[in-house]
C-alpha atoms as a PDB file:
ATOM      1  CA  MET A   1      21.921  13.128 -14.941  1.00  0.00           C
ATOM      2  CA  TYR A   2      23.152  11.886 -18.563  1.00  0.00           C
ATOM      3  CA  LEU A   3      20.592  10.559 -21.376  1.00  0.00           C
ATOM      4  CA  ASN A   4      21.825   7.697 -22.829  1.00  0.00           C
ATOM      5  CA  ASN A   5      18.927   6.770 -25.194  1.00  0.00           C
ATOM      6  CA  ASN A   6      16.987   8.654 -27.997  1.00  0.00           C
ATOM      7  CA  LYS A   7      13.755   8.218 -26.678  1.00  0.00           C
ATOM      8  CA  ASP A   8      14.695  10.254 -23.425  1.00  0.00           C
ATOM      9  CA  LYS A   9      16.499  13.033 -25.426  1.00  0.00           C
ATOM     10  CA  VAL A  10      13.328  13.557 -27.362  1.00  0.00           C
ATOM     11  CA  LEU A  11      11.189  13.598 -24.309  1.00  0.00           C
ATOM     12  CA  GLU A  12      13.593  16.158 -22.440  1.00  0.00           C
ATOM     13  CA  ALA A  13      14.027  18.267 -25.713  1.00  0.00           C
ATOM     14  CA  THR A  14      10.021  18.489 -26.118  1.00  0.00           C
ATOM     15  CA  PHE A  15       9.832  19.143 -22.619  1.00  0.00           C
ATOM     16  CA  LEU A  16      12.178  22.038 -22.545  1.00  0.00           C
ATOM     17  CA  LEU A  17      10.967  23.431 -25.842  1.00  0.00           C
ATOM     18  CA  SER A  18       7.447  23.380 -24.512  1.00  0.00           C
ATOM     19  CA  ILE A  19       8.165  24.992 -21.226  1.00  0.00           C
ATOM     20  CA  GLN A  20       9.892  27.804 -23.318  1.00  0.00           C
ATOM     21  CA  TYR A  21       7.351  28.201 -26.375  1.00  0.00           C
ATOM     22  CA  GLY A  22       4.266  26.315 -25.634  1.00  0.00           C
ATOM     23  CA  PHE A  23       3.949  22.809 -26.839  1.00  0.00           C
ATOM     24  CA  ASP A  24       1.793  23.471 -29.822  1.00  0.00           C
ATOM     25  CA  ASN A  25       4.215  26.107 -30.911  1.00  0.00           C
ATOM     26  CA  VAL A  26       7.361  23.462 -30.900  1.00  0.00           C
ATOM     27  CA  SER A  27       7.861  21.671 -34.248  1.00  0.00           C
ATOM     28  CA  ILE A  28       9.435  18.448 -35.087  1.00  0.00           C
ATOM     29  CA  LYS A  29      12.457  20.244 -36.650  1.00  0.00           C
ATOM     30  CA  GLN A  30      13.047  22.013 -33.261  1.00  0.00           C
ATOM     31  CA  ILE A  31      12.802  19.004 -31.353  1.00  0.00           C
ATOM     32  CA  GLN A  32      15.282  17.328 -33.648  1.00  0.00           C
ATOM     33  CA  GLU A  33      17.900  20.064 -33.309  1.00  0.00           C
ATOM     34  CA  GLU A  34      17.044  20.372 -29.574  1.00  0.00           C
ATOM     35  CA  ALA A  35      17.943  16.722 -29.133  1.00  0.00           C
ATOM     36  CA  ASN A  36      20.658  16.502 -31.664  1.00  0.00           C
ATOM     37  CA  ILE A  37      19.150  13.275 -33.501  1.00  0.00           C
ATOM     38  CA  SER A  38      17.837  12.768 -36.752  1.00  0.00           C
ATOM     39  CA  ALA A  39      13.867  13.011 -37.912  1.00  0.00           C
ATOM     40  CA  GLY A  40      14.106   9.288 -38.238  1.00  0.00           C
ATOM     41  CA  ALA A  41      15.343   8.535 -34.718  1.00  0.00           C
ATOM     42  CA  ILE A  42      12.155  10.862 -33.477  1.00  0.00           C
ATOM     43  CA  TYR A  43       9.800   8.558 -35.434  1.00  0.00           C
ATOM     44  CA  TYR A  44      11.221   5.273 -34.679  1.00  0.00           C
ATOM     45  CA  HIS A  45      10.039   5.846 -30.973  1.00  0.00           C
ATOM     46  CA  PHE A  46       7.007   7.830 -31.638  1.00  0.00           C
ATOM     47  CA  LYS A  47       4.036   7.987 -34.059  1.00  0.00           C
ATOM     48  CA  ASP A  48       3.688  11.667 -34.243  1.00  0.00           C
ATOM     49  CA  LYS A  49       4.147  14.954 -32.079  1.00  0.00           C
ATOM     50  CA  ASN A  50       0.819  14.084 -29.848  1.00  0.00           C
ATOM     51  CA  ASP A  51       2.431  10.537 -29.191  1.00  0.00           C
ATOM     52  CA  ILE A  52       5.536  12.489 -27.776  1.00  0.00           C
ATOM     53  CA  LEU A  53       3.310  14.644 -25.736  1.00  0.00           C
ATOM     54  CA  ASN A  54       1.518  11.672 -24.324  1.00  0.00           C
ATOM     55  CA  HIS A  55       4.720   9.912 -23.351  1.00  0.00           C
ATOM     56  CA  MET A  56       6.212  13.427 -21.922  1.00  0.00           C
ATOM     57  CA  LEU A  57       3.090  13.719 -19.618  1.00  0.00           C
ATOM     58  CA  ASN A  58       3.547  10.230 -18.348  1.00  0.00           C
ATOM     59  CA  LYS A  59       7.176  10.745 -17.624  1.00  0.00           C
ATOM     60  CA  TYR A  60       7.419  14.106 -15.940  1.00  0.00           C
ATOM     61  CA  VAL A  61       3.956  14.488 -14.501  1.00  0.00           C
ATOM     62  CA  ARG A  62       3.651  11.208 -13.028  1.00  0.00           C
ATOM     63  CA  GLY A  63       7.523  11.410 -11.915  1.00  0.00           C
ATOM     64  CA  ALA A  64       6.654  14.677 -10.100  1.00  0.00           C
ATOM     65  CA  ILE A  65       3.835  12.777  -8.300  1.00  0.00           C
ATOM     66  CA  ARG A  66       6.152  10.015  -7.383  1.00  0.00           C
ATOM     67  CA  ASP A  67       8.927  12.637  -6.269  1.00  0.00           C
ATOM     68  CA  PHE A  68       5.840  14.356  -4.052  1.00  0.00           C
ATOM     69  CA  LYS A  69       4.846  11.189  -2.672  1.00  0.00           C
ATOM     70  CA  LYS A  70       8.521  10.224  -1.431  1.00  0.00           C
ATOM     71  CA  SER A  71       9.055  13.658  -0.135  1.00  0.00           C
ATOM     72  CA  LEU A  72       6.031  13.648   1.793  1.00  0.00           C
ATOM     73  CA  ARG A  73       6.711  10.116   3.402  1.00  0.00           C
ATOM     74  CA  LYS A  74      10.267  11.369   4.230  1.00  0.00           C
ATOM     75  CA  TYR A  75       9.540  14.604   5.824  1.00  0.00           C
ATOM     76  CA  GLU A  76       8.505  14.287   9.716  1.00  0.00           C
ATOM     77  CA  GLY A  77       6.327  16.726  11.559  1.00  0.00           C
ATOM     78  CA  SER A  78       2.830  17.484  12.902  1.00  0.00           C
ATOM     79  CA  PHE A  79      -0.138  17.873  10.657  1.00  0.00           C
ATOM     80  CA  VAL A  80       0.532  21.625  10.416  1.00  0.00           C
ATOM     81  CA  GLU A  81       4.013  21.581   9.715  1.00  0.00           C
ATOM     82  CA  LYS A  82       3.467  18.863   7.027  1.00  0.00           C
ATOM     83  CA  LEU A  83       0.771  20.884   5.526  1.00  0.00           C
ATOM     84  CA  LYS A  84       3.005  23.929   5.481  1.00  0.00           C
ATOM     85  CA  PHE A  85       5.868  21.473   3.654  1.00  0.00           C
ATOM     86  CA  ILE A  86       3.452  20.694   1.126  1.00  0.00           C
ATOM     87  CA  PHE A  87       2.392  24.354   0.220  1.00  0.00           C
ATOM     88  CA  TYR A  88       5.982  25.146  -0.165  1.00  0.00           C
ATOM     89  CA  LEU A  89       6.925  22.046  -2.155  1.00  0.00           C
ATOM     90  CA  HIS A  90       4.097  22.857  -4.722  1.00  0.00           C
ATOM     91  CA  LEU A  91       5.509  26.262  -5.183  1.00  0.00           C
ATOM     92  CA  GLY A  92       8.853  24.882  -5.807  1.00  0.00           C
ATOM     93  CA  LYS A  93      10.446  25.783  -2.671  1.00  0.00           C
ATOM     94  CA  GLU A  94      11.603  24.236   0.330  1.00  0.00           C
ATOM     95  CA  LEU A  95      11.058  25.688   3.941  1.00  0.00           C
ATOM     96  CA  ASP A  96      14.503  26.542   4.423  1.00  0.00           C
ATOM     97  CA  GLY A  97      14.232  28.787   1.367  1.00  0.00           C
ATOM     98  CA  GLU A  98      16.042  26.233  -1.153  1.00  0.00           C
ATOM     99  CA  LYS A  99      14.307  25.940  -4.480  1.00  0.00           C
ATOM    100  CA  HIS A 100      12.610  22.739  -5.074  1.00  0.00           C
ATOM    101  CA  VAL A 101      12.940  22.320  -9.050  1.00  0.00           C
ATOM    102  CA  ILE A 102      12.574  19.538 -11.725  1.00  0.00           C
ATOM    103  CA  LYS A 103      16.083  18.603 -12.476  1.00  0.00           C
ATOM    104  CA  LEU A 104      16.939  17.323 -15.906  1.00  0.00           C
ATOM    105  CA  SER A 105      20.404  16.383 -17.677  1.00  0.00           C
ATOM    106  CA  ASN A 106      23.139  18.652 -18.081  1.00  0.00           C
ATOM    107  CA  ASP A 107      22.349  20.358 -14.642  1.00  0.00           C
ATOM    108  CA  ILE A 108      19.009  21.906 -16.291  1.00  0.00           C
ATOM    109  CA  GLU A 109      16.279  22.853 -13.808  1.00  0.00           C
ATOM    110  CA  ILE A 110      12.723  23.520 -14.339  1.00  0.00           C
ATOM    111  CA  ASP A 111      10.757  25.896 -11.939  1.00  0.00           C
ATOM    112  CA  HIS A 112       7.458  24.597 -10.569  1.00  0.00           C
ATOM    113  CA  THR A 113       5.610  27.530 -11.621  1.00  0.00           C
ATOM    114  CA  GLU A 114       6.585  27.182 -15.116  1.00  0.00           C
ATOM    115  CA  PHE A 115       5.855  23.658 -14.988  1.00  0.00           C
ATOM    116  CA  ASP A 116       2.159  24.238 -13.515  1.00  0.00           C
ATOM    117  CA  LEU A 117       1.769  26.842 -16.392  1.00  0.00           C
ATOM    118  CA  PHE A 118       2.820  24.402 -19.003  1.00  0.00           C
ATOM    119  CA  LEU A 119       0.278  21.733 -17.497  1.00  0.00           C
ATOM    120  CA  LEU A 120      -2.518  24.176 -17.373  1.00  0.00           C
ATOM    121  CA  GLY A 121      -1.851  25.241 -21.132  1.00  0.00           C
ATOM    122  CA  ILE A 122      -1.861  21.314 -22.221  1.00  0.00           C
ATOM    123  CA  TYR A 123      -5.353  20.841 -20.143  1.00  0.00           C
ATOM    124  CA  HIS A 124      -7.275  23.397 -22.162  1.00  0.00           C
ATOM    125  CA  GLN A 125      -5.611  22.876 -25.468  1.00  0.00           C
ATOM    126  CA  HIS A 126      -5.604  19.217 -25.684  1.00  0.00           C
ATOM    127  CA  HIS A 127      -9.105  17.897 -24.547  1.00  0.00           C
ATOM    128  CA  ASP A 128      -8.375  14.194 -25.863  1.00  0.00           C
ATOM    129  CA  LEU A 129      -5.907  14.119 -23.076  1.00  0.00           C
ATOM    130  CA  ARG A 130      -8.332  14.993 -20.219  1.00  0.00           C
ATOM    131  CA  SER A 131      -8.536  11.191 -19.353  1.00  0.00           C
ATOM    132  CA  LEU A 132      -5.017  11.332 -18.822  1.00  0.00           C
ATOM    133  CA  PHE A 133      -5.144  14.265 -16.470  1.00  0.00           C
ATOM    134  CA  ASP A 134      -7.902  12.723 -14.683  1.00  0.00           C
ATOM    135  CA  ASP A 135      -6.147   9.567 -13.782  1.00  0.00           C
ATOM    136  CA  MET A 136      -2.993  11.591 -12.953  1.00  0.00           C
ATOM    137  CA  THR A 137      -5.287  13.565 -10.448  1.00  0.00           C
ATOM    138  CA  VAL A 138      -6.522  10.413  -8.944  1.00  0.00           C
ATOM    139  CA  GLU A 139      -3.094   9.408  -8.276  1.00  0.00           C
ATOM    140  CA  LEU A 140      -2.343  12.511  -6.567  1.00  0.00           C
ATOM    141  CA  LEU A 141      -5.380  12.478  -4.476  1.00  0.00           C
ATOM    142  CA  SER A 142      -4.448   9.038  -3.072  1.00  0.00           C
ATOM    143  CA  VAL A 143      -1.270  10.695  -2.065  1.00  0.00           C
ATOM    144  CA  PHE A 144      -3.342  13.317  -0.227  1.00  0.00           C
ATOM    145  CA  ARG A 145      -5.547  10.750   1.235  1.00  0.00           C
ATOM    146  CA  GLU A 146      -2.610   8.562   2.773  1.00  0.00           C
ATOM    147  CA  PHE A 147      -1.550  12.085   4.404  1.00  0.00           C
ATOM    148  CA  VAL A 148      -5.064  12.670   5.692  1.00  0.00           C
ATOM    149  CA  GLU A 149      -5.239   9.170   7.139  1.00  0.00           C
ATOM    150  CA  GLU A 150      -1.709   9.425   8.958  1.00  0.00           C
ATOM    151  CA  PHE A 151      -3.044  12.403  10.951  1.00  0.00           C
ATOM    152  CA  GLN A 152      -6.517  10.892  11.583  1.00  0.00           C
ATOM    153  CA  GLU A 153      -4.563   7.862  12.974  1.00  0.00           C
ATOM    154  CA  LYS A 154      -2.517  10.279  15.391  1.00  0.00           C
ATOM    155  CA  LYS A 155      -5.649  12.169  16.389  1.00  0.00           C
ATOM    156  CA  GLU A 156      -4.591  15.270  15.195  1.00  0.00           C
ATOM    157  CA  ILE A 157      -7.422  15.869  12.419  1.00  0.00           C
ATOM    158  CA  ARG A 158     -11.142  14.808  12.461  1.00  0.00           C
ATOM    159  CA  ASP A 159     -12.443  11.228  11.743  1.00  0.00           C
ATOM    160  CA  ASP A 160     -16.066  11.895  11.388  1.00  0.00           C
ATOM    161  CA  PHE A 161     -15.392  13.229   7.650  1.00  0.00           C
ATOM    162  CA  ASP A 162     -14.094  10.452   5.030  1.00  0.00           C
ATOM    163  CA  SER A 163     -10.334  10.913   4.578  1.00  0.00           C
ATOM    164  CA  GLU A 164     -10.984  11.209   0.666  1.00  0.00           C
ATOM    165  CA  GLU A 165     -13.498  14.072   1.317  1.00  0.00           C
ATOM    166  CA  ILE A 166     -10.747  15.930   3.653  1.00  0.00           C
ATOM    167  CA  ALA A 167      -8.097  15.129   0.949  1.00  0.00           C
ATOM    168  CA  LEU A 168      -9.998  16.662  -1.930  1.00  0.00           C
ATOM    169  CA  TYR A 169     -10.818  19.723   0.346  1.00  0.00           C
ATOM    170  CA  ILE A 170      -7.075  20.220   1.191  1.00  0.00           C
ATOM    171  CA  TYR A 171      -6.069  19.497  -2.759  1.00  0.00           C
ATOM    172  CA  SER A 172      -8.648  22.025  -3.892  1.00  0.00           C
ATOM    173  CA  ILE A 173      -7.192  24.788  -1.392  1.00  0.00           C
ATOM    174  CA  ILE A 174      -3.570  24.043  -2.526  1.00  0.00           C
ATOM    175  CA  GLY A 175      -4.582  23.909  -6.152  1.00  0.00           C
ATOM    176  CA  GLY A 176      -6.342  27.318  -6.375  1.00  0.00           C
ATOM    177  CA  PHE A 177      -3.413  28.759  -4.228  1.00  0.00           C
ATOM    178  CA  ILE A 178      -0.677  27.568  -6.926  1.00  0.00           C
ATOM    179  CA  LYS A 179      -2.798  29.109  -9.597  1.00  0.00           C
ATOM    180  CA  LEU A 180      -3.227  32.514  -7.873  1.00  0.00           C
ATOM    181  CA  TRP A 181       0.675  32.442  -7.097  1.00  0.00           C
ATOM    182  CA  ALA A 182       1.369  31.808 -10.714  1.00  0.00           C
ATOM    183  CA  GLY A 183      -0.322  34.693 -11.907  1.00  0.00           C
ATOM    184  CA  PHE A 184       0.414  36.893  -9.031  1.00  0.00           C
ATOM    185  CA  THR A 185       3.988  36.132  -7.826  1.00  0.00           C
ATOM    186  CA  HIS A 186       4.270  39.456  -5.967  1.00  0.00           C
ATOM    187  CA  ILE A 187       1.624  38.615  -3.437  1.00  0.00           C
ATOM    188  CA  PRO A 188       3.120  37.626   0.068  1.00  0.00           C
ATOM    189  CA  MET A 189       3.377  34.096  -0.178  1.00  0.00           C
ATOM    190  CA  GLU A 190       4.189  33.112   3.493  1.00  0.00           C
ATOM    191  CA  LYS A 191       1.387  35.304   4.926  1.00  0.00           C
ATOM    192  CA  TYR A 192      -1.307  33.840   2.521  1.00  0.00           C
ATOM    193  CA  ILE A 193       0.060  30.140   3.203  1.00  0.00           C
ATOM    194  CA  ASP A 194      -0.312  30.681   6.816  1.00  0.00           C
ATOM    195  CA  ILE A 195      -3.991  32.182   6.390  1.00  0.00           C
ATOM    196  CA  ASN A 196      -4.574  29.232   4.114  1.00  0.00           C
ATOM    197  CA  ILE A 197      -3.267  26.606   6.759  1.00  0.00           C
ATOM    198  CA  LYS A 198      -5.030  28.444   9.527  1.00  0.00           C
ATOM    199  CA  MET A 199      -8.219  28.096   7.761  1.00  0.00           C
ATOM    200  CA  ILE A 200      -7.727  24.260   6.848  1.00  0.00           C
ATOM    201  CA  CYS A 201      -7.139  23.827  10.408  1.00  0.00           C
ATOM    202  CA  GLU A 202     -10.258  25.589  11.675  1.00  0.00           C
ATOM    203  CA  SER A 203     -12.229  23.108   9.566  1.00  0.00           C
ATOM    204  CA  VAL A 204     -10.309  19.700  10.184  1.00  0.00           C
ATOM    205  CA  CYS A 205      -8.055  19.737  13.127  1.00  0.00           C
ATOM    206  CA  ILE A 206      -9.187  18.079  16.514  1.00  0.00           C
ATOM    207  CA  LYS A 207      -9.369  21.260  18.798  1.00  0.00           C
ATOM    208  CA  ASN A 208      -7.450  20.381  22.253  1.00  0.00           C
END
């Protein structure tokens, strides 16, 4: 992928620097040098550094949500198979062992663990953006709700609970596991994914 406008260059440069150093530790001068553009070109598109952050989150987080939705719709399998796919995808891995990464220009790849840690830092340090995170969480939950409703219709999971309640339950478990994995990457991932899926199924799957 090639970036052909200064706005995208600024967003990608800021994203890369933020992953490496943390957003609050990145200066406009660093962004200017990384993007290889003038300071004037930055301020032509953005009011200030926080404006860059807002646009960056909209681009990369909402982009990740869209990619997740497409991948989930494309993947075929049972409820358990698709749930396992979701776990692996959120950890930046495919079921066949391949990495699932955020791809940028010049073949640059960002690991999902780094991405999740970056988002946690932003969430805790920038209270003014909490409403944006809330909106994006609602978007993500709608993807999980669609997933749940697919298998309620297929009679693989219970329909005596509201689809949104089950979606929130599954999303909470996956979110907690991601945070655990980010801090303790040495834990046996496959084992604990299987344990979590078994416990989810004990709660929501229809027993044959």
